[in-house]
């Protein structure tokens, strides 16, 4: 894969990962989620999934930007 293409994919994954982290944070801070957390003691599954996916995509994007594969 060409380095500029790999870095472009990395940048796109980084942006999507950050968006998912922000969405997960907003979802965790919503009134419905706070009421559910008050009764169950656990955050909602959906916000947890957004956090996990956001972290994975952010790490993948950063790794593609800073450590691209060596050309053959």
PDB file of N, CA and C in Angstrom:
ATOM      1  N   UNK A   1       0.848  -1.168   0.000  1.00  0.00           N
ATOM      2  CA  UNK A   1       0.000   0.000   0.000  1.00  0.00           C
ATOM      3  C   UNK A   1       0.895   1.233   0.000  1.00  0.00           C
ATOM      4  N   UNK A   2       0.503   2.248  -0.719  1.00  0.00           N
ATOM      5  CA  UNK A   2       1.311   3.453  -0.819  1.00  0.00           C
ATOM      6  C   UNK A   2       1.220   4.259   0.475  1.00  0.00           C
ATOM      7  N   UNK A   3       2.330   4.900   0.875  1.00  0.00           N
ATOM      8  CA  UNK A   3       2.350   5.604   2.171  1.00  0.00           C
ATOM      9  C   UNK A   3       1.293   6.692   2.304  1.00  0.00           C
ATOM     10  N   UNK A   4       1.054   7.463   1.241  1.00  0.00           N
ATOM     11  CA  UNK A   4       0.062   8.533   1.375  1.00  0.00           C
ATOM     12  C   UNK A   4      -1.339   7.966   1.557  1.00  0.00           C
ATOM     13  N   UNK A   5      -1.624   6.838   0.915  1.00  0.00           N
ATOM     14  CA  UNK A   5      -2.930   6.207   1.064  1.00  0.00           C
ATOM     15  C   UNK A   5      -3.093   5.643   2.471  1.00  0.00           C
ATOM     16  N   UNK A   6      -2.033   5.050   2.998  1.00  0.00           N
ATOM     17  CA  UNK A   6      -2.081   4.497   4.341  1.00  0.00           C
ATOM     18  C   UNK A   6      -2.271   5.604   5.383  1.00  0.00           C
ATOM     19  N   UNK A   7      -1.603   6.724   5.188  1.00  0.00           N
ATOM     20  CA  UNK A   7      -1.769   7.845   6.125  1.00  0.00           C
ATOM     21  C   UNK A   7      -3.152   8.467   6.003  1.00  0.00           C
ATOM     22  N   UNK A   8      -3.711   8.490   4.810  1.00  0.00           N
ATOM     23  CA  UNK A   8      -5.066   9.012   4.629  1.00  0.00           C
ATOM     24  C   UNK A   8      -6.069   8.129   5.356  1.00  0.00           C
ATOM     25  N   UNK A   9      -5.930   6.827   5.217  1.00  0.00           N
ATOM     26  CA  UNK A   9      -6.806   5.899   5.934  1.00  0.00           C
ATOM     27  C   UNK A   9      -6.631   6.061   7.436  1.00  0.00           C
ATOM     28  N   UNK A  10      -5.397   6.232   7.878  1.00  0.00           N
ATOM     29  CA  UNK A  10      -5.135   6.458   9.297  1.00  0.00           C
ATOM     30  C   UNK A  10      -5.784   7.722   9.807  1.00  0.00           C
ATOM     31  N   UNK A  11      -5.719   8.790   9.027  1.00  0.00           N
ATOM     32  CA  UNK A  11      -6.340  10.050   9.428  1.00  0.00           C
ATOM     33  C   UNK A  11      -7.857   9.912   9.508  1.00  0.00           C
ATOM     34  N   UNK A  12      -8.449   9.232   8.540  1.00  0.00           N
ATOM     35  CA  UNK A  12      -9.903   9.017   8.542  1.00  0.00           C
ATOM     36  C   UNK A  12     -10.312   8.195   9.765  1.00  0.00           C
ATOM     37  N   UNK A  13      -9.567   7.133  10.073  1.00  0.00           N
ATOM     38  CA  UNK A  13      -9.875   6.314  11.247  1.00  0.00           C
ATOM     39  C   UNK A  13      -9.713   7.114  12.537  1.00  0.00           C
ATOM     40  N   UNK A  14      -8.713   7.986  12.581  1.00  0.00           N
ATOM     41  CA  UNK A  14      -8.499   8.826  13.753  1.00  0.00           C
ATOM     42  C   UNK A  14      -9.678   9.768  13.975  1.00  0.00           C
ATOM     43  N   UNK A  15     -10.151  10.392  12.920  1.00  0.00           N
ATOM     44  CA  UNK A  15     -11.279  11.318  13.035  1.00  0.00           C
ATOM     45  C   UNK A  15     -12.544  10.574  13.453  1.00  0.00           C
ATOM     46  N   UNK A  16     -12.808   9.426  12.832  1.00  0.00           N
ATOM     47  CA  UNK A  16     -13.999   8.647  13.198  1.00  0.00           C
ATOM     48  C   UNK A  16     -13.895   8.164  14.644  1.00  0.00           C
ATOM     49  N   UNK A  17     -12.705   7.759  15.076  1.00  0.00           N
ATOM     50  CA  UNK A  17     -12.521   7.323  16.455  1.00  0.00           C
ATOM     51  C   UNK A  17     -12.788   8.431  17.450  1.00  0.00           C
ATOM     52  N   UNK A  18     -12.333   9.643  17.143  1.00  0.00           N
ATOM     53  CA  UNK A  18     -12.588  10.773  18.036  1.00  0.00           C
ATOM     54  C   UNK A  18     -14.073  11.101  18.080  1.00  0.00           C
ATOM     55  N   UNK A  19     -14.733  11.032  16.933  1.00  0.00           N
ATOM     56  CA  UNK A  19     -16.179  11.282  16.890  1.00  0.00           C
ATOM     57  C   UNK A  19     -16.919  10.244  17.735  1.00  0.00           C
ATOM     58  N   UNK A  20     -16.520   8.984  17.650  1.00  0.00           N
ATOM     59  CA  UNK A  20     -17.170   7.939  18.453  1.00  0.00           C
ATOM     60  C   UNK A  20     -16.931   8.163  19.952  1.00  0.00           C
ATOM     61  N   UNK A  21     -15.744   8.604  20.325  1.00  0.00           N
ATOM     62  CA  UNK A  21     -15.478   8.898  21.735  1.00  0.00           C
ATOM     63  C   UNK A  21     -16.350  10.044  22.239  1.00  0.00           C
ATOM     64  N   UNK A  22     -16.503  11.077  21.434  1.00  0.00           N
ATOM     65  CA  UNK A  22     -17.347  12.207  21.830  1.00  0.00           C
ATOM     66  C   UNK A  22     -18.804  11.770  21.925  1.00  0.00           C
ATOM     67  N   UNK A  23     -19.267  10.978  20.959  1.00  0.00           N
ATOM     68  CA  UNK A  23     -20.648  10.488  20.993  1.00  0.00           C
ATOM     69  C   UNK A  23     -20.885   9.606  22.223  1.00  0.00           C
ATOM     70  N   UNK A  24     -19.912   8.747  22.532  1.00  0.00           N
ATOM     71  CA  UNK A  24     -20.042   7.900  23.714  1.00  0.00           C
ATOM     72  C   UNK A  24     -20.100   8.717  24.985  1.00  0.00           C
ATOM     73  N   UNK A  25     -19.291   9.774  25.053  1.00  0.00           N
ATOM     74  CA  UNK A  25     -19.312  10.642  26.235  1.00  0.00           C
ATOM     75  C   UNK A  25     -20.648  11.367  26.353  1.00  0.00           C
ATOM     76  N   UNK A  26     -21.140  11.888  25.234  1.00  0.00           N
ATOM     77  CA  UNK A  26     -22.444  12.568  25.256  1.00  0.00           C
ATOM     78  C   UNK A  26     -23.559  11.607  25.639  1.00  0.00           C
ATOM     79  N   UNK A  27     -23.474  10.385  25.136  1.00  0.00           N
ATOM     80  CA  UNK A  27     -24.491   9.391  25.453  1.00  0.00           C
ATOM     81  C   UNK A  27     -24.444   9.009  26.934  1.00  0.00           C
ATOM     82  N   UNK A  28     -23.252   8.923  27.496  1.00  0.00           N
ATOM     83  CA  UNK A  28     -23.116   8.563  28.911  1.00  0.00           C
ATOM     84  C   UNK A  28     -23.606   9.679  29.819  1.00  0.00           C
ATOM     85  N   UNK A  29     -23.554  10.923  29.334  1.00  0.00           N
ATOM     86  CA  UNK A  29     -23.973  12.059  30.147  1.00  0.00           C
ATOM     87  C   UNK A  29     -25.444  12.415  29.975  1.00  0.00           C
ATOM     88  N   UNK A  30     -26.165  11.675  29.146  1.00  0.00           N
ATOM     89  CA  UNK A  30     -27.578  11.983  28.920  1.00  0.00           C
ATOM     90  C   UNK A  30     -28.403  11.634  30.164  1.00  0.00           C
ATOM     91  N   UNK A  31     -29.562  12.225  30.257  1.00  0.00           N
ATOM     92  CA  UNK A  31     -30.439  12.014  31.417  1.00  0.00           C
ATOM     93  C   UNK A  31     -30.857  10.551  31.527  1.00  0.00           C
ATOM     94  N   UNK A  32     -31.228   9.947  30.400  1.00  0.00           N
ATOM     95  CA  UNK A  32     -31.656   8.543  30.422  1.00  0.00           C
ATOM     96  C   UNK A  32     -30.558   7.617  30.902  1.00  0.00           C
ATOM     97  N   UNK A  33     -29.347   7.864  30.463  1.00  0.00           N
ATOM     98  CA  UNK A  33     -28.224   7.031  30.879  1.00  0.00           C
ATOM     99  C   UNK A  33     -27.908   7.228  32.353  1.00  0.00           C
ATOM    100  N   UNK A  34     -28.022   8.458  32.834  1.00  0.00           N
ATOM    101  CA  UNK A  34     -27.748   8.709  34.249  1.00  0.00           C
ATOM    102  C   UNK A  34     -28.806   8.084  35.145  1.00  0.00           C
ATOM    103  N   UNK A  35     -30.061   8.077  34.706  1.00  0.00           N
ATOM    104  CA  UNK A  35     -31.120   7.422  35.482  1.00  0.00           C
ATOM    105  C   UNK A  35     -30.878   5.917  35.512  1.00  0.00           C
ATOM    106  N   UNK A  36     -30.527   5.346  34.358  1.00  0.00           N
ATOM    107  CA  UNK A  36     -30.249   3.915  34.306  1.00  0.00           C
ATOM    108  C   UNK A  36     -29.056   3.571  35.189  1.00  0.00           C
ATOM    109  N   UNK A  37     -28.035   4.411  35.165  1.00  0.00           N
ATOM    110  CA  UNK A  37     -26.848   4.153  35.979  1.00  0.00           C
ATOM    111  C   UNK A  37     -27.173   4.281  37.466  1.00  0.00           C
ATOM    112  N   UNK A  38     -28.093   5.154  37.827  1.00  0.00           N
ATOM    113  CA  UNK A  38     -28.468   5.305  39.224  1.00  0.00           C
ATOM    114  C   UNK A  38     -29.151   4.047  39.750  1.00  0.00           C
ATOM    115  N   UNK A  39     -29.965   3.392  38.911  1.00  0.00           N
ATOM    116  CA  UNK A  39     -30.668   2.200  39.357  1.00  0.00           C
ATOM    117  C   UNK A  39     -29.835   0.927  39.219  1.00  0.00           C
ATOM    118  N   UNK A  40     -29.063   0.814  38.163  1.00  0.00           N
ATOM    119  CA  UNK A  40     -28.308  -0.422  37.939  1.00  0.00           C
ATOM    120  C   UNK A  40     -26.868  -0.338  38.415  1.00  0.00           C
ATOM    121  N   UNK A  41     -26.332   0.869  38.499  1.00  0.00           N
ATOM    122  CA  UNK A  41     -24.943   1.031  38.924  1.00  0.00           C
ATOM    123  C   UNK A  41     -23.936   0.836  37.809  1.00  0.00           C
ATOM    124  N   UNK A  42     -24.395   0.591  36.586  1.00  0.00           N
ATOM    125  CA  UNK A  42     -23.495   0.358  35.456  1.00  0.00           C
ATOM    126  C   UNK A  42     -23.863   1.308  34.322  1.00  0.00           C
ATOM    127  N   UNK A  43     -22.883   1.772  33.571  1.00  0.00           N
ATOM    128  CA  UNK A  43     -23.204   2.621  32.419  1.00  0.00           C
ATOM    129  C   UNK A  43     -23.921   1.814  31.335  1.00  0.00           C
ATOM    130  N   UNK A  44     -24.570   2.512  30.425  1.00  0.00           N
ATOM    131  CA  UNK A  44     -25.309   1.805  29.376  1.00  0.00           C
ATOM    132  C   UNK A  44     -24.339   1.070  28.450  1.00  0.00           C
ATOM    133  N   UNK A  45     -24.802  -0.028  27.897  1.00  0.00           N
ATOM    134  CA  UNK A  45     -23.969  -0.824  27.003  1.00  0.00           C
ATOM    135  C   UNK A  45     -23.588  -0.053  25.748  1.00  0.00           C
ATOM    136  N   UNK A  46     -24.515   0.731  25.249  1.00  0.00           N
ATOM    137  CA  UNK A  46     -24.260   1.434  23.997  1.00  0.00           C
ATOM    138  C   UNK A  46     -23.125   2.446  24.150  1.00  0.00           C
ATOM    139  N   UNK A  47     -23.106   3.198  25.235  1.00  0.00           N
ATOM    140  CA  UNK A  47     -22.020   4.165  25.423  1.00  0.00           C
ATOM    141  C   UNK A  47     -20.688   3.447  25.624  1.00  0.00           C
ATOM    142  N   UNK A  48     -20.713   2.289  26.276  1.00  0.00           N
ATOM    143  CA  UNK A  48     -19.496   1.498  26.452  1.00  0.00           C
ATOM    144  C   UNK A  48     -18.975   1.012  25.106  1.00  0.00           C
ATOM    145  N   UNK A  49     -19.868   0.579  24.234  1.00  0.00           N
ATOM    146  CA  UNK A  49     -19.462   0.137  22.903  1.00  0.00           C
ATOM    147  C   UNK A  49     -18.866   1.290  22.100  1.00  0.00           C
ATOM    148  N   UNK A  50     -19.452   2.471  22.230  1.00  0.00           N
ATOM    149  CA  UNK A  50     -18.911   3.631  21.533  1.00  0.00           C
ATOM    150  C   UNK A  50     -17.508   3.956  22.041  1.00  0.00           C
ATOM    151  N   UNK A  51     -17.293   3.886  23.354  1.00  0.00           N
ATOM    152  CA  UNK A  51     -15.962   4.132  23.922  1.00  0.00           C
ATOM    153  C   UNK A  51     -14.941   3.121  23.393  1.00  0.00           C
ATOM    154  N   UNK A  52     -15.294   1.855  23.405  1.00  0.00           N
ATOM    155  CA  UNK A  52     -14.360   0.806  22.964  1.00  0.00           C
ATOM    156  C   UNK A  52     -14.030   0.963  21.481  1.00  0.00           C
ATOM    157  N   UNK A  53     -15.055   1.167  20.652  1.00  0.00           N
ATOM    158  CA  UNK A  53     -14.821   1.339  19.213  1.00  0.00           C
ATOM    159  C   UNK A  53     -14.009   2.606  18.942  1.00  0.00           C
ATOM    160  N   UNK A  54     -14.286   3.671  19.677  1.00  0.00           N
ATOM    161  CA  UNK A  54     -13.551   4.915  19.498  1.00  0.00           C
ATOM    162  C   UNK A  54     -12.084   4.774  19.861  1.00  0.00           C
ATOM    163  N   UNK A  55     -11.802   4.079  20.951  1.00  0.00           N
ATOM    164  CA  UNK A  55     -10.415   3.868  21.362  1.00  0.00           C
ATOM    165  C   UNK A  55      -9.682   3.011  20.339  1.00  0.00           C
ATOM    166  N   UNK A  56     -10.325   1.949  19.886  1.00  0.00           N
ATOM    167  CA  UNK A  56      -9.681   1.067  18.895  1.00  0.00           C
ATOM    168  C   UNK A  56      -9.380   1.801  17.597  1.00  0.00           C
ATOM    169  N   UNK A  57     -10.340   2.555  17.084  1.00  0.00           N
ATOM    170  CA  UNK A  57     -10.118   3.280  15.834  1.00  0.00           C
ATOM    171  C   UNK A  57      -9.084   4.391  16.002  1.00  0.00           C
ATOM    172  N   UNK A  58      -9.078   5.046  17.145  1.00  0.00           N
ATOM    173  CA  UNK A  58      -8.098   6.105  17.387  1.00  0.00           C
ATOM    174  C   UNK A  58      -6.689   5.532  17.435  1.00  0.00           C
ATOM    175  N   UNK A  59      -6.511   4.430  18.145  1.00  0.00           N
ATOM    176  CA  UNK A  59      -5.179   3.800  18.221  1.00  0.00           C
ATOM    177  C   UNK A  59      -4.739   3.310  16.846  1.00  0.00           C
ATOM    178  N   UNK A  60      -5.657   2.702  16.104  1.00  0.00           N
ATOM    179  CA  UNK A  60      -5.326   2.229  14.756  1.00  0.00           C
ATOM    180  C   UNK A  60      -4.940   3.397  13.854  1.00  0.00           C
ATOM    181  N   UNK A  61      -5.707   4.484  13.911  1.00  0.00           N
ATOM    182  CA  UNK A  61      -5.417   5.641  13.080  1.00  0.00           C
ATOM    183  C   UNK A  61      -4.067   6.257  13.401  1.00  0.00           C
ATOM    184  N   UNK A  62      -3.756   6.397  14.688  1.00  0.00           N
ATOM    185  CA  UNK A  62      -2.463   6.960  15.089  1.00  0.00           C
ATOM    186  C   UNK A  62      -1.326   6.052  14.634  1.00  0.00           C
ATOM    187  N   UNK A  63      -1.519   4.738  14.759  1.00  0.00           N
ATOM    188  CA  UNK A  63      -0.454   3.819  14.341  1.00  0.00           C
ATOM    189  C   UNK A  63      -0.232   3.883  12.834  1.00  0.00           C
ATOM    190  N   UNK A  64      -1.295   4.077  12.061  1.00  0.00           N
ATOM    191  CA  UNK A  64      -1.145   4.178  10.608  1.00  0.00           C
ATOM    192  C   UNK A  64      -0.490   5.494  10.197  1.00  0.00           C
ATOM    193  N   UNK A  65      -0.713   6.538  10.956  1.00  0.00           N
ATOM    194  CA  UNK A  65      -0.137   7.843  10.629  1.00  0.00           C
ATOM    195  C   UNK A  65       1.352   7.880  10.977  1.00  0.00           C
ATOM    196  N   UNK A  66       1.702   7.435  12.163  1.00  0.00           N
ATOM    197  CA  UNK A  66       3.069   7.591  12.635  1.00  0.00           C
ATOM    198  C   UNK A  66       3.987   6.423  12.290  1.00  0.00           C
ATOM    199  N   UNK A  67       3.451   5.227  12.110  1.00  0.00           N
ATOM    200  CA  UNK A  67       4.273   4.065  11.780  1.00  0.00           C
ATOM    201  C   UNK A  67       3.734   3.353  10.549  1.00  0.00           C
ATOM    202  N   UNK A  68       3.879   3.966   9.372  1.00  0.00           N
ATOM    203  CA  UNK A  68       3.368   3.305   8.156  1.00  0.00           C
ATOM    204  C   UNK A  68       4.202   2.077   7.824  1.00  0.00           C
ATOM    205  N   UNK A  69       3.604   1.173   7.082  1.00  0.00           N
ATOM    206  CA  UNK A  69       4.301  -0.053   6.672  1.00  0.00           C
ATOM    207  C   UNK A  69       5.457   0.298   5.753  1.00  0.00           C
ATOM    208  N   UNK A  70       6.493  -0.462   5.822  1.00  0.00           N
ATOM    209  CA  UNK A  70       7.667  -0.217   4.989  1.00  0.00           C
ATOM    210  C   UNK A  70       7.367  -0.698   3.569  1.00  0.00           C
ATOM    211  N   UNK A  71       7.706   0.093   2.561  1.00  0.00           N
ATOM    212  CA  UNK A  71       7.466  -0.348   1.180  1.00  0.00           C
ATOM    213  C   UNK A  71       8.338  -1.541   0.825  1.00  0.00           C
ATOM    214  N   UNK A  72       7.805  -2.420  -0.009  1.00  0.00           N
ATOM    215  CA  UNK A  72       8.556  -3.641  -0.388  1.00  0.00           C
ATOM    216  C   UNK A  72       9.448  -3.378  -1.561  1.00  0.00           C
TER     217      UNK A  72
END
